[in-house]
Amino acid sequence: MAVECAQIRRHHRVGVKDIAGICLPTNVKFQSPAYSSVDNEETIEPYTTEKMSRVPGGYLALTECFEIMTVDFNNLEELKGLATKKPGKIGVPVIKEGLLDAIVVWFVLQLDDEHSLSTSPSEETCWEQAVYPVHDLADYWIKPEDHVMMEVSCQDCYLRIQGVSVFSSEHKMDVGKSFAKNKDLLSLGNEAELCSALANLQTSKPDAMEQTCVLESTEIALLNNIPYHEGFKMAMRKVLSSLTPEKSCQAMETHCQDSDMSCESGQNNSEQSASEPFYVLDVSEGFSLLPVIAGTLGQVKPYSSVEKDQHRITLDLISEANHFPKETLEFWLRHVEDESAVLQRPKSDKLWSIIILDVIEPSGLIQQEIMEKAAISRCLLQSGGKIFPQYVLMFGLLVESQTLVEESSVQGTARTLGLNIAPFINQFQVPIRVFLDLPSLPCTPLSEPVELLRLDLMTPYLNTSNSEVKVHICKSGQVTAIPFWYHMYLDDEIRLDTSSEVSHWKQAAVVLDTPVQVEVGEVLVLNVQHHKSNVSITVKR
């Protein structure tokens, strides 16, 4: 079925044009790995997966459920034919208006004439559903009487849904709503549609250089996280201003002026003083726009640690569109001989004003060796320089969640036809569940959130590896898990919450081996240990 889903949208489409004053040019196209064609050189799954019944914010079905294909696994000739069968076209009427974000696919497994299994989101099942995000539509808004058209194939052992387009109720076909490739225009319905499409191509304004940048879904969600970028911009400005008290830190503010995203800077770089610049190093994992943002804050020499060539090209194009001189942004890995030793001085006689570290993984865990990196970074800062974040607070709460229990270990023999496999299988269970969406997790809170741990990156001597935390019970029940998340403080006033609705981070949870029965008014004591970036939480009896 076709769905509207804000969670899928923000993880697979960049929905902003201006990020903390940085304009994203029209000749840069961001894509998630789920967008790939049959002729792609790399073998990439053309879909992602979601537990749609638990997706944060829910979803809206825009069409009825429709059948994509039927496969008889007992018919060898039919299975062989899938590899050579041409893509089939499917048209589905729209029943509700909304934004076309994805096509969600599930399966009905017919075991025999009487028994079947369904992976539908409406079923209580262990399966997730396949999600095919929709890209490149000129207009994602669809309404009743429209038809969603798509091509379905299974030519390379992957079920692919491509060439999604919309037949509008107002026009026979709105060619601008198609995300088929140019070479697929020949598959349009008739000659009139083909001529119209070619005319649109000929009259469109060409870009100087088009760049497709493939980002992980968490990286796309990060670009859509405006508070994250605004927070870093404010924090960096405050640090740089404090380092130059005799003059305010002038920002080269950029402005998006028209639909072509032409930008101009409010301060010409030639007007900067000839004094030594401030050095800013961003060693975030993956694609990061923070070095470009740092470049707007006066006389700054920002360094990016991105590794992929396409990411570097993209950052160069963004810098160019925002009228940065080419020498403004540097790529740090080109300056270090050993990539494992990224934390070094910018020059033999210079130190960093700001070093940005990745403290929390997208999964919800603390990055490995982060305190070691912080210790090295602290020695590379100039007087008054800062590490971002400066410190991190870890929060958690006690919950009763049968879902987490059942998804973490085998429970008894009733569901395994009497076979006692739990003692063997449960030896391999992990103590911490990651990539959780706490707002949509089926659970009952038994306490208020409490601070569990503090990690200070600027003053590491304040950290403790072992602490006891008292938690007041506000609801009776069985404690089965302890979900946790973080507040990252860029300074004492600016913080980022990894559990917020716009966060690109997920949450994690410790699942207890044995549930603990608690009553209202009780106090439960937790032992929290932090050792080499690993956190363990146990209930003190």
Protein backbone atom coordinates (compact mmCIF):
# COMPACT_ATOMS: atom_id res chain seq x y z
CA MET A 1 0.00 0.00 0.00
CA ALA A 2 1.05 3.62 -0.51
CA VAL A 3 1.50 5.53 2.75
CA GLU A 4 2.18 8.93 4.23
CA CYS A 5 4.72 8.64 7.05
CA ALA A 6 6.72 11.55 8.46
CA GLN A 7 9.28 9.19 10.03
CA ILE A 8 10.08 7.55 6.68
CA ARG A 9 10.11 10.94 4.95
CA ARG A 10 12.65 12.55 7.24
CA HIS A 11 14.98 9.54 6.98
CA HIS A 12 14.91 9.35 3.18
CA ARG A 13 14.30 12.87 1.84
CA VAL A 14 16.07 16.10 2.71
CA GLY A 15 13.12 18.39 3.31
CA VAL A 16 14.98 21.62 4.07
CA LYS A 17 16.66 24.15 1.79
CA ASP A 18 18.41 26.23 4.43
CA ILE A 19 20.34 24.72 7.34
CA ALA A 20 21.57 27.19 9.95
CA GLY A 21 22.10 29.83 7.25
CA ILE A 22 23.64 27.43 4.71
CA CYS A 23 21.71 27.17 1.45
CA LEU A 24 21.52 23.73 -0.18
CA PRO A 25 22.00 24.23 -3.94
CA THR A 26 19.58 22.72 -6.44
CA ASN A 27 22.38 20.90 -8.26
CA VAL A 28 23.01 18.69 -5.21
CA LYS A 29 20.68 15.72 -4.92
CA PHE A 30 20.62 13.65 -1.74
CA GLN A 31 19.49 10.02 -1.90
CA SER A 32 19.19 7.20 0.60
CA PRO A 33 20.69 3.78 -0.19
CA ALA A 34 17.15 2.48 -0.72
CA TYR A 35 17.07 4.41 -4.01
CA SER A 36 18.92 2.25 -6.54
CA SER A 37 18.32 0.92 -10.04
CA VAL A 38 18.75 -2.52 -11.57
CA ASP A 39 21.77 -1.38 -13.57
CA ASN A 40 23.56 -0.08 -10.48
CA GLU A 41 27.07 -1.48 -10.27
CA GLU A 42 26.70 -2.16 -6.56
CA THR A 43 24.31 -4.78 -5.21
CA ILE A 44 22.22 -2.77 -2.77
CA GLU A 45 18.89 -3.74 -1.28
CA PRO A 46 16.39 -1.36 -2.94
CA TYR A 47 14.33 -1.03 0.23
CA THR A 48 14.57 -0.53 3.95
CA THR A 49 12.50 -2.18 6.68
CA GLU A 50 10.26 -0.86 9.42
CA LYS A 51 7.93 -2.27 12.04
CA MET A 52 5.08 -0.15 10.69
CA SER A 53 2.83 -0.85 13.68
CA ARG A 54 5.42 0.86 15.89
CA VAL A 55 6.80 3.56 13.58
CA PRO A 56 7.00 6.85 15.54
CA GLY A 57 4.12 9.14 14.62
CA GLY A 58 2.28 6.31 12.86
CA TYR A 59 1.33 6.29 9.18
CA LEU A 60 -1.65 7.02 6.94
CA ALA A 61 -2.69 4.52 4.26
CA LEU A 62 -3.32 6.45 1.03
CA THR A 63 -4.46 3.40 -0.99
CA GLU A 64 -6.14 0.10 -0.31
CA CYS A 65 -3.89 -2.93 -0.05
CA PHE A 66 -3.05 -4.25 -3.53
CA GLU A 67 -1.35 -7.36 -4.86
CA ILE A 68 2.07 -6.87 -6.45
CA MET A 69 2.86 -10.39 -7.62
CA THR A 70 2.27 -14.07 -6.93
CA VAL A 71 5.12 -16.55 -6.89
CA ASP A 72 4.71 -20.35 -6.86
CA PHE A 73 7.84 -21.74 -5.25
CA ASN A 74 6.93 -25.23 -6.47
CA ASN A 75 7.02 -24.06 -10.09
CA LEU A 76 10.67 -24.12 -11.19
CA GLU A 77 9.96 -22.61 -14.60
CA GLU A 78 8.13 -19.68 -13.04
CA LEU A 79 11.03 -19.03 -10.65
CA LYS A 80 13.52 -19.06 -13.54
CA GLY A 81 11.31 -16.69 -15.51
CA LEU A 82 11.40 -14.01 -12.79
CA ALA A 83 14.98 -13.14 -13.72
CA THR A 84 14.08 -12.32 -17.32
CA LYS A 85 10.53 -11.10 -16.91
CA LYS A 86 10.05 -7.46 -17.90
CA PRO A 87 8.83 -5.05 -15.20
CA GLY A 88 5.09 -5.15 -14.76
CA LYS A 89 3.08 -1.95 -14.40
CA ILE A 90 0.58 -1.47 -11.60
CA GLY A 91 -1.92 1.35 -11.13
CA VAL A 92 -3.63 1.87 -7.77
CA PRO A 93 -6.44 4.35 -7.00
CA VAL A 94 -5.84 6.82 -4.16
CA ILE A 95 -8.45 6.73 -1.37
CA LYS A 96 -7.09 9.47 0.95
CA GLU A 97 -5.22 12.68 0.33
CA GLY A 98 -1.75 13.06 1.74
CA LEU A 99 1.96 13.05 0.98
CA LEU A 100 3.19 10.01 -0.94
CA ASP A 101 6.20 8.95 1.14
CA ALA A 102 6.60 5.23 0.51
CA ILE A 103 5.22 1.98 -0.82
CA VAL A 104 5.00 -0.58 2.01
CA VAL A 105 5.19 -4.25 1.09
CA TRP A 106 4.41 -7.40 3.05
CA PHE A 107 3.77 -11.02 2.21
CA VAL A 108 1.16 -13.74 2.65
CA LEU A 109 2.88 -17.12 2.79
CA GLN A 110 0.46 -19.81 1.74
CA LEU A 111 1.65 -23.01 3.44
CA ASP A 112 -1.19 -25.12 1.99
CA ASP A 113 -4.84 -24.66 1.08
CA GLU A 114 -5.83 -24.08 4.69
CA HIS A 115 -2.84 -22.50 6.45
CA SER A 116 -1.08 -19.23 5.78
CA LEU A 117 1.20 -16.71 7.49
CA SER A 118 1.03 -12.96 6.99
CA THR A 119 3.74 -10.35 7.61
CA SER A 120 1.15 -7.54 7.47
CA PRO A 121 1.63 -4.57 9.85
CA SER A 122 -1.85 -5.33 11.24
CA GLU A 123 -0.72 -8.79 12.41
CA GLU A 124 1.14 -9.65 15.62
CA THR A 125 4.24 -10.94 13.90
CA CYS A 126 8.01 -11.07 14.32
CA TRP A 127 8.52 -9.69 10.80
CA GLU A 128 9.09 -6.12 9.76
CA GLN A 129 7.70 -4.76 6.49
CA ALA A 130 9.67 -3.76 3.39
CA VAL A 131 9.60 -0.01 2.75
CA TYR A 132 10.29 1.54 -0.66
CA PRO A 133 10.73 5.29 -0.10
CA VAL A 134 9.44 7.49 -2.92
CA HIS A 135 11.96 9.96 -4.36
CA ASP A 136 12.09 12.71 -6.95
CA LEU A 137 8.43 13.63 -7.34
CA ALA A 138 7.85 17.26 -8.23
CA ASP A 139 4.73 17.15 -6.06
CA TYR A 140 4.23 14.46 -3.41
CA TRP A 141 0.67 15.51 -2.56
CA ILE A 142 -1.92 13.08 -3.91
CA LYS A 143 -5.69 12.96 -3.52
CA PRO A 144 -8.68 10.68 -4.21
CA GLU A 145 -9.27 9.95 -7.89
CA ASP A 146 -5.50 10.14 -8.52
CA HIS A 147 -3.73 6.90 -9.40
CA VAL A 148 -0.29 5.84 -8.16
CA MET A 149 1.58 4.05 -10.94
CA MET A 150 4.68 1.89 -10.47
CA GLU A 151 6.85 -0.74 -12.14
CA VAL A 152 7.47 -4.02 -10.32
CA SER A 153 10.26 -6.46 -11.16
CA CYS A 154 12.39 -9.19 -9.62
CA GLN A 155 15.20 -9.41 -12.17
CA ASP A 156 18.17 -9.56 -9.79
CA CYS A 157 16.67 -11.54 -6.91
CA TYR A 158 15.43 -8.31 -5.32
CA LEU A 159 11.82 -7.21 -5.46
CA ARG A 160 12.04 -3.74 -6.97
CA ILE A 161 9.41 -1.03 -7.12
CA GLN A 162 10.51 1.74 -9.47
CA GLY A 163 9.21 4.33 -11.87
CA VAL A 164 6.65 5.61 -9.40
CA SER A 165 4.45 8.28 -10.96
CA VAL A 166 1.03 9.83 -10.39
CA PHE A 167 -1.84 10.00 -12.83
CA SER A 168 -3.63 13.10 -11.69
CA SER A 169 -7.40 13.40 -11.64
CA GLU A 170 -6.99 16.87 -13.15
CA HIS A 171 -4.65 15.88 -15.97
CA LYS A 172 -4.32 12.58 -17.75
CA MET A 173 -0.74 12.43 -16.51
CA ASP A 174 1.44 14.90 -14.71
CA VAL A 175 4.84 14.09 -16.13
CA GLY A 176 6.51 16.25 -13.49
CA LYS A 177 5.31 13.82 -10.83
CA SER A 178 7.29 10.90 -12.22
CA PHE A 179 10.53 9.68 -10.71
CA ALA A 180 11.41 7.36 -13.57
CA LYS A 181 14.83 8.05 -15.09
CA ASN A 182 15.06 9.98 -18.36
CA LYS A 183 15.75 6.80 -20.28
CA ASP A 184 12.50 5.38 -18.93
CA LEU A 185 10.46 8.07 -20.68
CA LEU A 186 9.89 5.66 -23.56
CA SER A 187 7.75 3.59 -21.23
CA LEU A 188 5.18 6.41 -20.87
CA GLY A 189 1.70 5.66 -22.05
CA ASN A 190 1.47 7.42 -25.41
CA GLU A 191 3.23 9.76 -27.82
CA ALA A 192 1.63 12.92 -26.41
CA GLU A 193 2.94 12.15 -22.94
CA LEU A 194 6.43 11.47 -24.35
CA CYS A 195 6.49 14.80 -26.26
CA SER A 196 5.34 16.66 -23.16
CA ALA A 197 8.07 15.05 -21.07
CA LEU A 198 10.80 15.82 -23.61
CA ALA A 199 9.64 19.43 -23.83
CA ASN A 200 9.92 19.75 -20.07
CA LEU A 201 13.45 18.37 -20.22
CA GLN A 202 14.50 20.80 -22.96
CA THR A 203 13.14 23.87 -21.21
CA SER A 204 14.49 23.06 -17.78
CA LYS A 205 17.39 25.18 -16.56
CA PRO A 206 20.65 23.19 -16.64
CA ASP A 207 22.89 23.22 -13.61
CA ALA A 208 26.61 23.80 -13.89
CA MET A 209 27.36 20.46 -12.24
CA GLU A 210 24.93 17.97 -10.78
CA GLN A 211 26.02 15.81 -7.89
CA THR A 212 24.17 12.86 -6.41
CA CYS A 213 25.15 12.23 -2.82
CA VAL A 214 24.08 8.93 -1.25
CA LEU A 215 23.65 9.21 2.51
CA GLU A 216 22.62 6.70 5.14
CA SER A 217 19.10 7.22 6.44
CA THR A 218 20.47 8.51 9.76
CA GLU A 219 22.60 11.07 7.89
CA ILE A 220 19.54 12.32 5.99
CA ALA A 221 17.63 12.56 9.29
CA LEU A 222 20.59 14.53 10.67
CA LEU A 223 20.37 17.06 7.82
CA ASN A 224 16.67 17.45 8.61
CA ASN A 225 17.50 18.06 12.30
CA ILE A 226 17.46 21.86 12.36
CA PRO A 227 17.85 22.29 16.17
CA TYR A 228 21.07 20.24 15.99
CA HIS A 229 22.69 22.56 13.46
CA GLU A 230 21.32 25.75 15.02
CA GLY A 231 22.61 24.62 18.41
CA PHE A 232 26.12 24.00 17.10
CA LYS A 233 26.13 27.32 15.28
CA MET A 234 25.20 29.24 18.45
CA ALA A 235 27.72 27.34 20.56
CA MET A 236 30.55 27.84 18.06
CA ARG A 237 29.76 31.54 17.76
CA LYS A 238 29.92 31.94 21.55
CA VAL A 239 33.31 30.22 21.78
CA LEU A 240 34.82 32.20 18.92
CA SER A 241 33.44 35.46 20.35
CA SER A 242 35.01 34.69 23.72
CA LEU A 243 38.38 34.18 22.01
CA THR A 244 38.17 37.65 20.44
CA PRO A 245 36.68 39.89 23.14
CA GLU A 246 37.90 43.06 21.44
CA LYS A 247 35.67 42.45 18.42
CA SER A 248 32.43 40.57 17.95
CA CYS A 249 32.42 37.46 15.82
CA GLN A 250 30.85 38.61 12.59
CA ALA A 251 28.86 35.92 10.79
CA MET A 252 28.88 35.60 7.05
CA GLU A 253 25.12 35.10 6.95
CA THR A 254 23.82 33.62 3.76
CA HIS A 255 20.38 34.10 2.32
CA CYS A 256 18.29 32.03 -0.06
CA GLN A 257 16.77 34.55 -2.44
CA ASP A 258 14.83 32.60 -5.04
CA SER A 259 13.77 29.18 -6.22
CA ASP A 260 17.17 28.65 -7.84
CA MET A 261 18.71 28.94 -4.35
CA SER A 262 21.17 31.66 -5.34
CA CYS A 263 22.93 32.83 -2.23
CA GLU A 264 25.08 35.78 -1.27
CA SER A 265 27.20 36.32 1.78
CA GLY A 266 26.67 39.29 4.02
CA GLN A 267 30.34 39.85 4.53
CA ASN A 268 33.07 39.59 1.94
CA ASN A 269 35.95 37.39 2.97
CA SER A 270 38.42 39.93 1.58
CA GLU A 271 37.31 42.29 4.34
CA GLN A 272 38.57 39.90 7.01
CA SER A 273 41.65 40.98 8.86
CA ALA A 274 44.95 39.42 7.96
CA SER A 275 45.34 37.91 11.43
CA GLU A 276 45.61 34.17 12.01
CA PRO A 277 42.27 32.32 11.66
CA PHE A 278 40.59 30.14 14.25
CA TYR A 279 41.01 26.44 13.52
CA VAL A 280 37.91 24.21 13.82
CA LEU A 281 38.07 20.42 13.41
CA ASP A 282 34.99 18.24 12.93
CA VAL A 283 35.67 14.53 13.40
CA SER A 284 32.03 13.47 13.27
CA GLU A 285 31.28 10.10 11.68
CA GLY A 286 29.86 10.28 8.16
CA PHE A 287 28.53 13.34 6.35
CA SER A 288 28.52 16.56 8.36
CA LEU A 289 27.64 20.13 7.43
CA LEU A 290 29.14 21.59 10.62
CA PRO A 291 32.49 22.62 9.05
CA VAL A 292 30.62 24.64 6.41
CA ILE A 293 28.53 26.28 9.14
CA ALA A 294 31.73 27.08 11.04
CA GLY A 295 33.05 28.80 7.93
CA THR A 296 30.28 31.42 8.22
CA LEU A 297 31.43 32.58 11.64
CA GLY A 298 34.14 35.03 10.73
CA GLN A 299 37.80 34.29 10.19
CA VAL A 300 37.65 30.53 10.66
CA LYS A 301 39.60 27.73 9.01
CA PRO A 302 37.27 24.69 9.22
CA TYR A 303 38.44 21.13 8.60
CA SER A 304 36.13 18.25 7.70
CA SER A 305 37.02 14.59 8.29
CA VAL A 306 34.63 13.09 5.71
CA GLU A 307 36.19 10.16 3.88
CA LYS A 308 34.05 9.54 0.78
CA ASP A 309 34.85 11.43 -2.40
CA GLN A 310 31.18 12.09 -3.18
CA HIS A 311 30.77 13.67 0.26
CA ARG A 312 33.77 15.94 -0.35
CA ILE A 313 32.48 16.97 -3.77
CA THR A 314 29.08 17.72 -2.24
CA LEU A 315 30.57 19.88 0.53
CA ASP A 316 32.63 21.74 -2.08
CA LEU A 317 29.50 22.43 -4.15
CA ILE A 318 27.61 23.64 -1.07
CA SER A 319 30.53 25.90 -0.16
CA GLU A 320 30.64 27.27 -3.71
CA ALA A 321 26.88 27.92 -3.75
CA ASN A 322 27.27 29.90 -0.52
CA HIS A 323 30.12 31.95 -2.07
CA PHE A 324 32.90 30.60 0.11
CA PRO A 325 36.41 30.98 -1.30
CA LYS A 326 37.71 27.55 -2.34
CA GLU A 327 40.43 27.60 0.30
CA THR A 328 37.92 28.09 3.16
CA LEU A 329 37.02 24.43 3.70
CA GLU A 330 39.76 21.83 4.01
CA PHE A 331 39.53 18.04 4.21
CA TRP A 332 41.60 16.94 7.16
CA LEU A 333 42.36 13.39 6.00
CA ARG A 334 44.35 14.84 3.11
CA HIS A 335 46.71 16.41 5.64
CA VAL A 336 47.37 13.43 7.92
CA GLU A 337 49.65 10.57 6.98
CA ASP A 338 47.93 8.03 9.22
CA GLU A 339 44.11 8.14 9.17
CA SER A 340 44.00 6.36 12.53
CA ALA A 341 45.77 9.39 14.06
CA VAL A 342 43.21 12.00 13.07
CA LEU A 343 43.64 14.02 16.26
CA GLN A 344 46.72 16.15 15.60
CA ARG A 345 47.64 19.84 15.61
CA PRO A 346 46.39 21.82 12.58
CA LYS A 347 49.99 23.03 12.16
CA SER A 348 53.15 22.34 14.10
CA ASP A 349 52.86 25.69 15.87
CA LYS A 350 49.05 25.98 16.05
CA LEU A 351 46.22 24.56 18.17
CA TRP A 352 42.50 24.04 17.59
CA SER A 353 39.87 26.51 18.79
CA ILE A 354 37.05 23.93 18.56
CA ILE A 355 37.07 20.14 18.16
CA ILE A 356 33.74 18.43 17.44
CA LEU A 357 33.52 14.78 18.51
CA ASP A 358 30.90 12.14 17.80
CA VAL A 359 29.93 10.95 21.28
CA ILE A 360 26.72 8.99 20.66
CA GLU A 361 26.22 6.41 17.93
CA PRO A 362 22.94 6.51 15.95
CA SER A 363 22.07 3.21 17.66
CA GLY A 364 21.87 4.92 21.06
CA LEU A 365 25.18 3.68 22.50
CA ILE A 366 28.26 5.66 23.53
CA GLN A 367 30.95 5.75 20.85
CA GLN A 368 33.89 3.44 21.49
CA GLU A 369 37.07 5.06 22.85
CA ILE A 370 35.33 8.44 23.12
CA MET A 371 36.98 9.36 26.44
CA GLU A 372 40.41 8.51 25.02
CA LYS A 373 39.68 10.79 22.04
CA ALA A 374 38.49 13.51 24.42
CA ALA A 375 41.72 13.26 26.44
CA ILE A 376 43.83 13.71 23.30
CA SER A 377 41.60 16.53 22.04
CA ARG A 378 41.93 18.39 25.34
CA CYS A 379 45.70 18.60 24.79
CA LEU A 380 45.24 20.02 21.28
CA LEU A 381 43.05 23.00 22.26
CA GLN A 382 44.26 26.57 22.47
CA SER A 383 43.59 28.47 25.67
CA GLY A 384 39.82 29.04 25.84
CA GLY A 385 39.14 26.43 23.16
CA LYS A 386 36.36 23.86 23.60
CA ILE A 387 35.42 20.29 22.81
CA PHE A 388 31.87 19.81 21.60
CA PRO A 389 29.93 18.49 23.36
CA GLN A 390 31.51 19.67 26.59
CA TYR A 391 29.68 17.08 28.68
CA VAL A 392 26.94 14.47 28.32
CA LEU A 393 24.24 13.40 30.79
CA MET A 394 22.72 9.94 30.43
CA PHE A 395 19.08 9.58 31.53
CA GLY A 396 16.93 6.51 32.00
CA LEU A 397 13.71 5.26 33.53
CA LEU A 398 12.25 2.00 34.75
CA VAL A 399 9.60 0.39 32.53
CA GLU A 400 7.51 -2.73 32.28
CA SER A 401 7.66 -3.96 28.69
CA GLN A 402 6.65 -7.48 27.73
CA THR A 403 7.57 -6.60 24.14
CA LEU A 404 11.22 -6.03 25.05
CA VAL A 405 11.29 -9.24 27.09
CA GLU A 406 9.87 -11.35 24.27
CA GLU A 407 12.12 -9.79 21.64
CA SER A 408 15.25 -10.26 23.76
CA SER A 409 15.03 -13.90 24.80
CA VAL A 410 13.06 -17.11 24.30
CA GLN A 411 10.28 -17.35 26.87
CA GLY A 412 9.40 -20.85 28.07
CA THR A 413 8.31 -23.78 25.88
CA ALA A 414 4.71 -22.88 25.02
CA ARG A 415 5.67 -21.07 21.81
CA THR A 416 8.26 -23.62 20.71
CA LEU A 417 5.88 -26.60 20.60
CA GLY A 418 7.15 -27.88 23.94
CA LEU A 419 10.80 -27.90 22.90
CA ASN A 420 13.05 -26.51 25.64
CA ILE A 421 15.44 -24.47 23.49
CA ALA A 422 15.51 -21.39 25.73
CA PRO A 423 18.58 -22.42 27.83
CA PHE A 424 20.68 -22.78 24.67
CA ILE A 425 19.38 -19.86 22.59
CA ASN A 426 19.39 -17.39 25.48
CA GLN A 427 23.14 -17.86 25.94
CA PHE A 428 23.53 -15.64 22.89
CA GLN A 429 21.21 -12.82 23.91
CA VAL A 430 22.69 -9.33 24.12
CA PRO A 431 22.33 -7.37 27.38
CA ILE A 432 21.39 -4.10 25.64
CA ARG A 433 18.78 -3.56 22.92
CA VAL A 434 19.68 -0.79 20.46
CA PHE A 435 17.96 1.20 17.68
CA LEU A 436 14.79 1.59 19.75
CA ASP A 437 12.13 4.25 19.26
CA LEU A 438 11.18 4.92 22.86
CA PRO A 439 8.11 7.10 22.09
CA SER A 440 6.43 4.22 20.25
CA LEU A 441 7.78 1.33 22.35
CA PRO A 442 4.96 -0.65 24.02
CA CYS A 443 5.78 -0.15 27.70
CA THR A 444 4.49 1.19 31.01
CA PRO A 445 6.76 3.71 32.81
CA LEU A 446 7.20 2.83 36.48
CA SER A 447 9.36 5.84 37.41
CA GLU A 448 10.24 9.34 36.32
CA PRO A 449 13.43 9.84 34.25
CA VAL A 450 16.58 10.03 36.37
CA GLU A 451 20.19 10.97 35.66
CA LEU A 452 22.29 7.81 35.46
CA LEU A 453 25.70 8.99 34.31
CA ARG A 454 27.74 12.08 33.51
CA LEU A 455 30.56 12.10 30.96
CA ASP A 456 32.66 15.26 31.06
CA LEU A 457 34.82 15.66 27.96
CA MET A 458 36.42 18.97 28.98
CA THR A 459 37.24 17.97 32.58
CA PRO A 460 37.52 14.15 32.52
CA TYR A 461 38.77 13.99 36.12
CA LEU A 462 35.17 14.70 37.19
CA ASN A 463 34.00 11.38 35.72
CA THR A 464 33.31 8.35 37.89
CA SER A 465 33.30 4.77 36.59
CA ASN A 466 30.89 3.43 39.20
CA SER A 467 27.86 5.05 40.86
CA GLU A 468 24.64 4.18 42.64
CA VAL A 469 21.40 5.87 41.59
CA LYS A 470 18.23 5.87 43.68
CA VAL A 471 14.99 5.66 41.68
CA HIS A 472 11.58 6.39 43.21
CA ILE A 473 8.79 4.11 42.01
CA CYS A 474 5.68 6.01 40.88
CA LYS A 475 3.63 3.03 39.63
CA SER A 476 3.43 -0.58 40.78
CA GLY A 477 4.47 -3.30 38.38
CA GLN A 478 7.38 -5.42 37.17
CA VAL A 479 10.57 -3.70 36.08
CA THR A 480 11.69 -5.55 32.95
CA ALA A 481 13.91 -2.95 31.24
CA ILE A 482 15.73 0.36 31.65
CA PRO A 483 15.63 2.48 28.45
CA PHE A 484 18.19 5.30 28.30
CA TRP A 485 19.10 8.35 26.22
CA TYR A 486 21.35 11.40 26.46
CA HIS A 487 21.42 15.17 26.81
CA MET A 488 24.54 16.50 25.07
CA TYR A 489 25.60 19.89 26.39
CA LEU A 490 27.50 22.06 23.94
CA ASP A 491 27.72 24.50 26.83
CA ASP A 492 25.71 25.05 30.00
CA GLU A 493 22.82 26.59 28.06
CA ILE A 494 22.74 24.74 24.73
CA ARG A 495 21.86 21.05 24.83
CA LEU A 496 20.77 18.39 22.35
CA ASP A 497 18.29 15.72 23.42
CA THR A 498 18.79 12.34 21.70
CA SER A 499 15.20 11.35 22.54
CA SER A 500 13.46 14.34 20.92
CA GLU A 501 11.04 13.93 18.01
CA VAL A 502 13.47 15.54 15.55
CA SER A 503 16.50 13.59 16.77
CA HIS A 504 18.39 11.40 14.30
CA TRP A 505 19.51 9.22 17.21
CA LYS A 506 17.68 6.13 18.44
CA GLN A 507 17.47 4.98 22.05
CA ALA A 508 18.75 1.84 23.77
CA ALA A 509 17.61 -0.24 26.76
CA VAL A 510 19.05 -2.68 29.28
CA VAL A 511 16.74 -5.70 29.54
CA LEU A 512 16.85 -7.38 32.95
CA ASP A 513 17.48 -11.11 33.15
CA THR A 514 14.82 -11.38 35.87
CA PRO A 515 11.92 -8.91 36.28
CA VAL A 516 11.78 -7.01 39.59
CA GLN A 517 8.42 -6.52 41.29
CA VAL A 518 8.01 -2.98 42.67
CA GLU A 519 5.31 -1.03 44.52
CA VAL A 520 4.46 2.69 44.54
CA GLY A 521 6.63 4.60 47.00
CA GLU A 522 9.52 2.13 46.94
CA VAL A 523 13.07 3.18 46.13
CA LEU A 524 15.10 1.00 43.80
CA VAL A 525 18.88 1.33 43.74
CA LEU A 526 20.69 0.96 40.40
CA ASN A 527 24.39 0.27 40.03
CA VAL A 528 25.70 2.08 36.94
CA GLN A 529 29.16 1.22 35.63
CA HIS A 530 31.04 2.88 32.77
CA HIS A 531 34.19 1.21 31.49
CA LYS A 532 35.85 1.78 28.10
CA SER A 533 32.69 3.32 26.60
CA ASN A 534 30.57 0.37 27.75
CA VAL A 535 27.73 0.98 30.20
CA SER A 536 26.15 -1.66 32.41
CA ILE A 537 23.13 -1.15 34.68
CA THR A 538 22.12 -3.64 37.34
CA VAL A 539 19.51 -3.58 40.09
CA LYS A 540 21.05 -3.67 43.57
CA ARG A 541 19.22 -6.20 45.69
